[in-house]
Amino acid sequence: MADARVPVPLQYRDPDVIQKVKDVAGNNITHVLDAISEKDTQFASLAVLAEDKPGKLAIVLSHAEGIQDVRKDVRVTSSSIPKSSA
């Protein structure tokens, strides 16, 4: 049986992108990779994660201020190296 899933192109700058992602994926997303990592994309990435399941958000750049406080059940990781306190 062929896979019935079909790719759906979405624009991250679309003001309705969060709802469009949820319309396509439902409440099933538990992992997001935010390769853009701007403040708005980080918060949008959190918003598309399933509401009743723990999740993971991986970002390429530094965390936006307050991003880790939005959802305690989501692990936010970043590939950027923290600055030295020296």
PDB file of N, CA and C in Angstrom:
ATOM      1  N   MET A   1       0.847  -1.184   0.000  1.00  0.00           N
ATOM      2  CA  MET A   1       0.000   0.000   0.000  1.00  0.00           C
ATOM      3  C   MET A   1       0.889   1.243   0.000  1.00  0.00           C
ATOM      4  N   ALA A   2       0.577   2.168  -0.861  1.00  0.00           N
ATOM      5  CA  ALA A   2       1.360   3.406  -0.969  1.00  0.00           C
ATOM      6  C   ALA A   2       1.099   4.317   0.226  1.00  0.00           C
ATOM      7  N   ASP A   3       2.102   5.091   0.543  1.00  0.00           N
ATOM      8  CA  ASP A   3       1.982   6.064   1.628  1.00  0.00           C
ATOM      9  C   ASP A   3       1.035   7.173   1.182  1.00  0.00           C
ATOM     10  N   ALA A   4      -0.003   7.439   1.977  1.00  0.00           N
ATOM     11  CA  ALA A   4      -1.004   8.439   1.612  1.00  0.00           C
ATOM     12  C   ALA A   4      -0.566   9.860   1.967  1.00  0.00           C
ATOM     13  N   ARG A   5       0.550   9.997   2.691  1.00  0.00           N
ATOM     14  CA  ARG A   5       1.005  11.338   3.069  1.00  0.00           C
ATOM     15  C   ARG A   5       1.565  12.067   1.863  1.00  0.00           C
ATOM     16  N   VAL A   6       1.210  13.302   1.735  1.00  0.00           N
ATOM     17  CA  VAL A   6       1.655  14.127   0.618  1.00  0.00           C
ATOM     18  C   VAL A   6       2.337  15.364   1.191  1.00  0.00           C
ATOM     19  N   PRO A   7       3.525  15.742   0.693  1.00  0.00           N
ATOM     20  CA  PRO A   7       4.177  16.957   1.193  1.00  0.00           C
ATOM     21  C   PRO A   7       3.289  18.185   0.992  1.00  0.00           C
ATOM     22  N   VAL A   8       3.289  19.051   1.990  1.00  0.00           N
ATOM     23  CA  VAL A   8       2.497  20.280   1.928  1.00  0.00           C
ATOM     24  C   VAL A   8       3.451  21.452   2.141  1.00  0.00           C
ATOM     25  N   PRO A   9       3.659  22.285   1.133  1.00  0.00           N
ATOM     26  CA  PRO A   9       4.556  23.431   1.305  1.00  0.00           C
ATOM     27  C   PRO A   9       3.898  24.509   2.174  1.00  0.00           C
ATOM     28  N   LEU A  10       4.649  24.986   3.151  1.00  0.00           N
ATOM     29  CA  LEU A  10       4.168  26.047   4.040  1.00  0.00           C
ATOM     30  C   LEU A  10       5.239  27.117   4.135  1.00  0.00           C
ATOM     31  N   GLN A  11       4.825  28.351   4.298  1.00  0.00           N
ATOM     32  CA  GLN A  11       5.744  29.472   4.441  1.00  0.00           C
ATOM     33  C   GLN A  11       5.809  29.883   5.914  1.00  0.00           C
ATOM     34  N   TYR A  12       7.003  29.860   6.483  1.00  0.00           N
ATOM     35  CA  TYR A  12       7.129  30.168   7.904  1.00  0.00           C
ATOM     36  C   TYR A  12       6.746  31.606   8.240  1.00  0.00           C
ATOM     37  N   ARG A  13       6.748  32.501   7.280  1.00  0.00           N
ATOM     38  CA  ARG A  13       6.354  33.898   7.537  1.00  0.00           C
ATOM     39  C   ARG A  13       4.850  34.137   7.389  1.00  0.00           C
ATOM     40  N   ASP A  14       4.115  33.139   6.952  1.00  0.00           N
ATOM     41  CA  ASP A  14       2.666  33.237   6.825  1.00  0.00           C
ATOM     42  C   ASP A  14       2.070  33.424   8.229  1.00  0.00           C
ATOM     43  N   PRO A  15       1.241  34.441   8.449  1.00  0.00           N
ATOM     44  CA  PRO A  15       0.682  34.671   9.784  1.00  0.00           C
ATOM     45  C   PRO A  15      -0.184  33.509  10.278  1.00  0.00           C
ATOM     46  N   ASP A  16      -0.643  32.659   9.382  1.00  0.00           N
ATOM     47  CA  ASP A  16      -1.480  31.518   9.766  1.00  0.00           C
ATOM     48  C   ASP A  16      -0.716  30.196   9.745  1.00  0.00           C
ATOM     49  N   VAL A  17       0.619  30.246   9.713  1.00  0.00           N
ATOM     50  CA  VAL A  17       1.390  29.018   9.551  1.00  0.00           C
ATOM     51  C   VAL A  17       1.168  28.031  10.700  1.00  0.00           C
ATOM     52  N   ILE A  18       1.022  28.500  11.918  1.00  0.00           N
ATOM     53  CA  ILE A  18       0.826  27.584  13.048  1.00  0.00           C
ATOM     54  C   ILE A  18      -0.453  26.782  12.854  1.00  0.00           C
ATOM     55  N   GLN A  19      -1.538  27.449  12.514  1.00  0.00           N
ATOM     56  CA  GLN A  19      -2.802  26.748  12.298  1.00  0.00           C
ATOM     57  C   GLN A  19      -2.717  25.822  11.089  1.00  0.00           C
ATOM     58  N   LYS A  20      -2.027  26.251  10.044  1.00  0.00           N
ATOM     59  CA  LYS A  20      -1.890  25.407   8.849  1.00  0.00           C
ATOM     60  C   LYS A  20      -1.108  24.137   9.156  1.00  0.00           C
ATOM     61  N   VAL A  21      -0.056  24.250   9.958  1.00  0.00           N
ATOM     62  CA  VAL A  21       0.703  23.064  10.357  1.00  0.00           C
ATOM     63  C   VAL A  21      -0.189  22.129  11.158  1.00  0.00           C
ATOM     64  N   LYS A  22      -0.944  22.687  12.107  1.00  0.00           N
ATOM     65  CA  LYS A  22      -1.833  21.853  12.918  1.00  0.00           C
ATOM     66  C   LYS A  22      -2.938  21.219  12.076  1.00  0.00           C
ATOM     67  N   ASP A  23      -3.416  21.944  11.061  1.00  0.00           N
ATOM     68  CA  ASP A  23      -4.430  21.380  10.170  1.00  0.00           C
ATOM     69  C   ASP A  23      -3.888  20.157   9.431  1.00  0.00           C
ATOM     70  N   VAL A  24      -2.619  20.203   9.042  1.00  0.00           N
ATOM     71  CA  VAL A  24      -2.012  19.106   8.298  1.00  0.00           C
ATOM     72  C   VAL A  24      -1.595  17.965   9.230  1.00  0.00           C
ATOM     73  N   ALA A  25      -0.962  18.304  10.340  1.00  0.00           N
ATOM     74  CA  ALA A  25      -0.360  17.285  11.211  1.00  0.00           C
ATOM     75  C   ALA A  25      -1.208  16.916  12.412  1.00  0.00           C
ATOM     76  N   GLY A  26      -2.237  17.685  12.684  1.00  0.00           N
ATOM     77  CA  GLY A  26      -3.031  17.425  13.879  1.00  0.00           C
ATOM     78  C   GLY A  26      -2.222  17.731  15.130  1.00  0.00           C
ATOM     79  N   ASN A  27      -2.504  16.998  16.175  1.00  0.00           N
ATOM     80  CA  ASN A  27      -1.825  17.184  17.455  1.00  0.00           C
ATOM     81  C   ASN A  27      -0.778  16.074  17.624  1.00  0.00           C
ATOM     82  N   ASN A  28       0.053  15.879  16.603  1.00  0.00           N
ATOM     83  CA  ASN A  28       0.972  14.747  16.603  1.00  0.00           C
ATOM     84  C   ASN A  28       2.443  15.109  16.561  1.00  0.00           C
ATOM     85  N   ILE A  29       2.777  16.369  16.467  1.00  0.00           N
ATOM     86  CA  ILE A  29       4.189  16.759  16.337  1.00  0.00           C
ATOM     87  C   ILE A  29       4.842  16.765  17.719  1.00  0.00           C
ATOM     88  N   THR A  30       5.926  16.013  17.854  1.00  0.00           N
ATOM     89  CA  THR A  30       6.643  15.980  19.134  1.00  0.00           C
ATOM     90  C   THR A  30       8.096  16.446  19.004  1.00  0.00           C
ATOM     91  N   HIS A  31       8.581  16.608  17.764  1.00  0.00           N
ATOM     92  CA  HIS A  31       9.955  17.048  17.529  1.00  0.00           C
ATOM     93  C   HIS A  31       9.970  18.111  16.425  1.00  0.00           C
ATOM     94  N   VAL A  32      10.703  19.198  16.682  1.00  0.00           N
ATOM     95  CA  VAL A  32      10.841  20.258  15.682  1.00  0.00           C
ATOM     96  C   VAL A  32      12.306  20.668  15.607  1.00  0.00           C
ATOM     97  N   LEU A  33      12.794  20.845  14.384  1.00  0.00           N
ATOM     98  CA  LEU A  33      14.113  21.423  14.142  1.00  0.00           C
ATOM     99  C   LEU A  33      13.888  22.796  13.539  1.00  0.00           C
ATOM    100  N   ASP A  34      14.288  23.840  14.266  1.00  0.00           N
ATOM    101  CA  ASP A  34      14.156  25.211  13.783  1.00  0.00           C
ATOM    102  C   ASP A  34      15.511  25.663  13.249  1.00  0.00           C
ATOM    103  N   ALA A  35      15.698  25.555  11.945  1.00  0.00           N
ATOM    104  CA  ALA A  35      16.966  25.918  11.327  1.00  0.00           C
ATOM    105  C   ALA A  35      17.115  27.425  11.161  1.00  0.00           C
ATOM    106  N   ILE A  36      16.036  28.164  11.268  1.00  0.00           N
ATOM    107  CA  ILE A  36      16.098  29.621  11.153  1.00  0.00           C
ATOM    108  C   ILE A  36      16.467  30.231  12.500  1.00  0.00           C
ATOM    109  N   SER A  37      15.810  29.795  13.548  1.00  0.00           N
ATOM    110  CA  SER A  37      16.135  30.133  14.933  1.00  0.00           C
ATOM    111  C   SER A  37      15.995  31.605  15.294  1.00  0.00           C
ATOM    112  N   GLU A  38      15.108  32.317  14.618  1.00  0.00           N
ATOM    113  CA  GLU A  38      14.783  33.671  15.050  1.00  0.00           C
ATOM    114  C   GLU A  38      13.800  33.561  16.213  1.00  0.00           C
ATOM    115  N   LYS A  39      13.643  34.626  16.965  1.00  0.00           N
ATOM    116  CA  LYS A  39      12.739  34.602  18.114  1.00  0.00           C
ATOM    117  C   LYS A  39      11.340  34.125  17.704  1.00  0.00           C
ATOM    118  N   ASP A  40      10.792  34.689  16.629  1.00  0.00           N
ATOM    119  CA  ASP A  40       9.438  34.330  16.203  1.00  0.00           C
ATOM    120  C   ASP A  40       9.338  32.875  15.765  1.00  0.00           C
ATOM    121  N   THR A  41      10.360  32.364  15.077  1.00  0.00           N
ATOM    122  CA  THR A  41      10.287  30.970  14.625  1.00  0.00           C
ATOM    123  C   THR A  41      10.425  30.004  15.795  1.00  0.00           C
ATOM    124  N   GLN A  42      11.177  30.390  16.815  1.00  0.00           N
ATOM    125  CA  GLN A  42      11.302  29.531  17.993  1.00  0.00           C
ATOM    126  C   GLN A  42       9.958  29.415  18.718  1.00  0.00           C
ATOM    127  N   PHE A  43       9.277  30.537  18.906  1.00  0.00           N
ATOM    128  CA  PHE A  43       7.983  30.497  19.586  1.00  0.00           C
ATOM    129  C   PHE A  43       6.928  29.807  18.724  1.00  0.00           C
ATOM    130  N   ALA A  44       6.991  29.987  17.404  1.00  0.00           N
ATOM    131  CA  ALA A  44       6.072  29.281  16.500  1.00  0.00           C
ATOM    132  C   ALA A  44       6.329  27.780  16.544  1.00  0.00           C
ATOM    133  N   SER A  45       7.593  27.393  16.605  1.00  0.00           N
ATOM    134  CA  SER A  45       7.934  25.971  16.694  1.00  0.00           C
ATOM    135  C   SER A  45       7.351  25.347  17.949  1.00  0.00           C
ATOM    136  N   LEU A  46       7.414  26.063  19.057  1.00  0.00           N
ATOM    137  CA  LEU A  46       6.793  25.556  20.291  1.00  0.00           C
ATOM    138  C   LEU A  46       5.286  25.417  20.126  1.00  0.00           C
ATOM    139  N   ALA A  47       4.688  26.353  19.431  1.00  0.00           N
ATOM    140  CA  ALA A  47       3.227  26.359  19.283  1.00  0.00           C
ATOM    141  C   ALA A  47       2.705  25.202  18.436  1.00  0.00           C
ATOM    142  N   VAL A  48       3.517  24.659  17.535  1.00  0.00           N
ATOM    143  CA  VAL A  48       3.037  23.550  16.704  1.00  0.00           C
ATOM    144  C   VAL A  48       3.213  22.197  17.383  1.00  0.00           C
ATOM    145  N   LEU A  49       3.979  22.148  18.454  1.00  0.00           N
ATOM    146  CA  LEU A  49       4.170  20.883  19.158  1.00  0.00           C
ATOM    147  C   LEU A  49       2.865  20.407  19.782  1.00  0.00           C
ATOM    148  N   ALA A  50       2.701  19.091  19.835  1.00  0.00           N
ATOM    149  CA  ALA A  50       1.506  18.499  20.438  1.00  0.00           C
ATOM    150  C   ALA A  50       1.303  19.050  21.844  1.00  0.00           C
ATOM    151  N   GLU A  51       0.067  19.359  22.157  1.00  0.00           N
ATOM    152  CA  GLU A  51      -0.233  20.021  23.431  1.00  0.00           C
ATOM    153  C   GLU A  51      -0.236  19.075  24.622  1.00  0.00           C
ATOM    154  N   ASP A  52      -0.451  17.800  24.401  1.00  0.00           N
ATOM    155  CA  ASP A  52      -0.582  16.869  25.516  1.00  0.00           C
ATOM    156  C   ASP A  52       0.545  15.839  25.569  1.00  0.00           C
ATOM    157  N   LYS A  53       1.645  16.129  24.873  1.00  0.00           N
ATOM    158  CA  LYS A  53       2.767  15.198  24.827  1.00  0.00           C
ATOM    159  C   LYS A  53       4.060  15.957  25.059  1.00  0.00           C
ATOM    160  N   PRO A  54       5.033  15.340  25.741  1.00  0.00           N
ATOM    161  CA  PRO A  54       6.325  15.994  25.861  1.00  0.00           C
ATOM    162  C   PRO A  54       6.963  16.127  24.480  1.00  0.00           C
ATOM    163  N   GLY A  55       7.795  17.138  24.293  1.00  0.00           N
ATOM    164  CA  GLY A  55       8.389  17.344  22.984  1.00  0.00           C
ATOM    165  C   GLY A  55       9.824  17.802  23.063  1.00  0.00           C
ATOM    166  N   LYS A  56      10.412  17.938  21.879  1.00  0.00           N
ATOM    167  CA  LYS A  56      11.783  18.438  21.773  1.00  0.00           C
ATOM    168  C   LYS A  56      11.842  19.471  20.662  1.00  0.00           C
ATOM    169  N   LEU A  57      12.542  20.566  20.938  1.00  0.00           N
ATOM    170  CA  LEU A  57      12.771  21.631  19.971  1.00  0.00           C
ATOM    171  C   LEU A  57      14.272  21.830  19.860  1.00  0.00           C
ATOM    172  N   ALA A  58      14.810  21.610  18.671  1.00  0.00           N
ATOM    173  CA  ALA A  58      16.231  21.837  18.420  1.00  0.00           C
ATOM    174  C   ALA A  58      16.360  23.107  17.593  1.00  0.00           C
ATOM    175  N   ILE A  59      17.210  24.016  18.058  1.00  0.00           N
ATOM    176  CA  ILE A  59      17.437  25.264  17.339  1.00  0.00           C
ATOM    177  C   ILE A  59      18.915  25.376  16.990  1.00  0.00           C
ATOM    178  N   VAL A  60      19.205  26.091  15.916  1.00  0.00           N
ATOM    179  CA  VAL A  60      20.570  26.201  15.431  1.00  0.00           C
ATOM    180  C   VAL A  60      21.317  27.330  16.138  1.00  0.00           C
ATOM    181  N   LEU A  61      20.641  28.431  16.375  1.00  0.00           N
ATOM    182  CA  LEU A  61      21.273  29.588  17.019  1.00  0.00           C
ATOM    183  C   LEU A  61      20.954  29.607  18.511  1.00  0.00           C
ATOM    184  N   SER A  62      21.231  30.708  19.157  1.00  0.00           N
ATOM    185  CA  SER A  62      20.982  30.827  20.596  1.00  0.00           C
ATOM    186  C   SER A  62      19.501  30.865  20.903  1.00  0.00           C
ATOM    187  N   HIS A  63      19.165  30.441  22.120  1.00  0.00           N
ATOM    188  CA  HIS A  63      17.785  30.475  22.578  1.00  0.00           C
ATOM    189  C   HIS A  63      17.268  31.909  22.662  1.00  0.00           C
ATOM    190  N   ALA A  64      16.024  32.102  22.289  1.00  0.00           N
ATOM    191  CA  ALA A  64      15.368  33.397  22.500  1.00  0.00           C
ATOM    192  C   ALA A  64      15.092  33.532  23.996  1.00  0.00           C
ATOM    193  N   GLU A  65      15.134  34.739  24.486  1.00  0.00           N
ATOM    194  CA  GLU A  65      14.878  34.969  25.901  1.00  0.00           C
ATOM    195  C   GLU A  65      13.498  34.451  26.277  1.00  0.00           C
ATOM    196  N   GLY A  66      13.433  33.649  27.315  1.00  0.00           N
ATOM    197  CA  GLY A  66      12.173  33.126  27.820  1.00  0.00           C
ATOM    198  C   GLY A  66      11.650  31.888  27.120  1.00  0.00           C
ATOM    199  N   ILE A  67      12.321  31.415  26.096  1.00  0.00           N
ATOM    200  CA  ILE A  67      11.810  30.283  25.320  1.00  0.00           C
ATOM    201  C   ILE A  67      11.702  29.021  26.174  1.00  0.00           C
ATOM    202  N   GLN A  68      12.645  28.815  27.076  1.00  0.00           N
ATOM    203  CA  GLN A  68      12.623  27.601  27.888  1.00  0.00           C
ATOM    204  C   GLN A  68      11.564  27.650  28.979  1.00  0.00           C
ATOM    205  N   ASP A  69      10.993  28.813  29.218  1.00  0.00           N
ATOM    206  CA  ASP A  69       9.971  28.947  30.252  1.00  0.00           C
ATOM    207  C   ASP A  69       8.555  28.745  29.718  1.00  0.00           C
ATOM    208  N   VAL A  70       8.388  28.665  28.409  1.00  0.00           N
ATOM    209  CA  VAL A  70       7.057  28.573  27.811  1.00  0.00           C
ATOM    210  C   VAL A  70       6.394  27.240  28.132  1.00  0.00           C
ATOM    211  N   ARG A  71       7.117  26.157  27.911  1.00  0.00           N
ATOM    212  CA  ARG A  71       6.581  24.815  28.189  1.00  0.00           C
ATOM    213  C   ARG A  71       7.629  23.995  28.910  1.00  0.00           C
ATOM    214  N   LYS A  72       7.300  23.583  30.107  1.00  0.00           N
ATOM    215  CA  LYS A  72       8.235  22.795  30.905  1.00  0.00           C
ATOM    216  C   LYS A  72       8.369  21.371  30.384  1.00  0.00           C
ATOM    217  N   ASP A  73       7.410  20.913  29.568  1.00  0.00           N
ATOM    218  CA  ASP A  73       7.451  19.544  29.043  1.00  0.00           C
ATOM    219  C   ASP A  73       8.172  19.447  27.707  1.00  0.00           C
ATOM    220  N   VAL A  74       8.778  20.548  27.256  1.00  0.00           N
ATOM    221  CA  VAL A  74       9.514  20.561  25.997  1.00  0.00           C
ATOM    222  C   VAL A  74      10.990  20.826  26.292  1.00  0.00           C
ATOM    223  N   ARG A  75      11.836  19.949  25.784  1.00  0.00           N
ATOM    224  CA  ARG A  75      13.272  20.130  25.941  1.00  0.00           C
ATOM    225  C   ARG A  75      13.785  20.958  24.763  1.00  0.00           C
ATOM    226  N   VAL A  76      14.392  22.111  25.066  1.00  0.00           N
ATOM    227  CA  VAL A  76      14.937  22.992  24.032  1.00  0.00           C
ATOM    228  C   VAL A  76      16.446  22.845  24.033  1.00  0.00           C
ATOM    229  N   THR A  77      16.998  22.495  22.865  1.00  0.00           N
ATOM    230  CA  THR A  77      18.450  22.371  22.753  1.00  0.00           C
ATOM    231  C   THR A  77      18.942  23.268  21.629  1.00  0.00           C
ATOM    232  N   SER A  78      20.198  23.694  21.767  1.00  0.00           N
ATOM    233  CA  SER A  78      20.793  24.597  20.786  1.00  0.00           C
ATOM    234  C   SER A  78      22.177  24.075  20.417  1.00  0.00           C
ATOM    235  N   SER A  79      22.541  24.277  19.163  1.00  0.00           N
ATOM    236  CA  SER A  79      23.873  23.854  18.723  1.00  0.00           C
ATOM    237  C   SER A  79      24.910  24.962  18.917  1.00  0.00           C
ATOM    238  N   SER A  80      24.463  26.154  19.300  1.00  0.00           N
ATOM    239  CA  SER A  80      25.435  27.234  19.467  1.00  0.00           C
ATOM    240  C   SER A  80      26.240  27.030  20.740  1.00  0.00           C
ATOM    241  N   ILE A  81      27.460  27.488  20.697  1.00  0.00           N
ATOM    242  CA  ILE A  81      28.360  27.329  21.836  1.00  0.00           C
ATOM    243  C   ILE A  81      28.218  28.557  22.731  1.00  0.00           C
ATOM    244  N   PRO A  82      27.954  28.346  24.037  1.00  0.00           N
ATOM    245  CA  PRO A  82      27.810  29.497  24.929  1.00  0.00           C
ATOM    246  C   PRO A  82      29.098  30.320  24.999  1.00  0.00           C
ATOM    247  N   LYS A  83      28.941  31.613  25.161  1.00  0.00           N
ATOM    248  CA  LYS A  83      30.095  32.500  25.285  1.00  0.00           C
ATOM    249  C   LYS A  83      30.794  32.270  26.616  1.00  0.00           C
ATOM    250  N   SER A  84      32.083  32.408  26.619  1.00  0.00           N
ATOM    251  CA  SER A  84      32.873  32.268  27.831  1.00  0.00           C
ATOM    252  C   SER A  84      32.582  33.433  28.760  1.00  0.00           C
ATOM    253  N   SER A  85      32.606  33.190  30.055  1.00  0.00           N
ATOM    254  CA  SER A  85      32.367  34.273  31.018  1.00  0.00           C
ATOM    255  C   SER A  85      33.652  34.995  31.355  1.00  0.00           C
ATOM    256  N   ALA A  86      34.734  34.668  30.662  1.00  0.00           N
ATOM    257  CA  ALA A  86      36.021  35.308  30.932  1.00  0.00           C
ATOM    258  C   ALA A  86      36.072  36.720  30.455  1.00  0.00           C
TER     259      ALA A  86
END
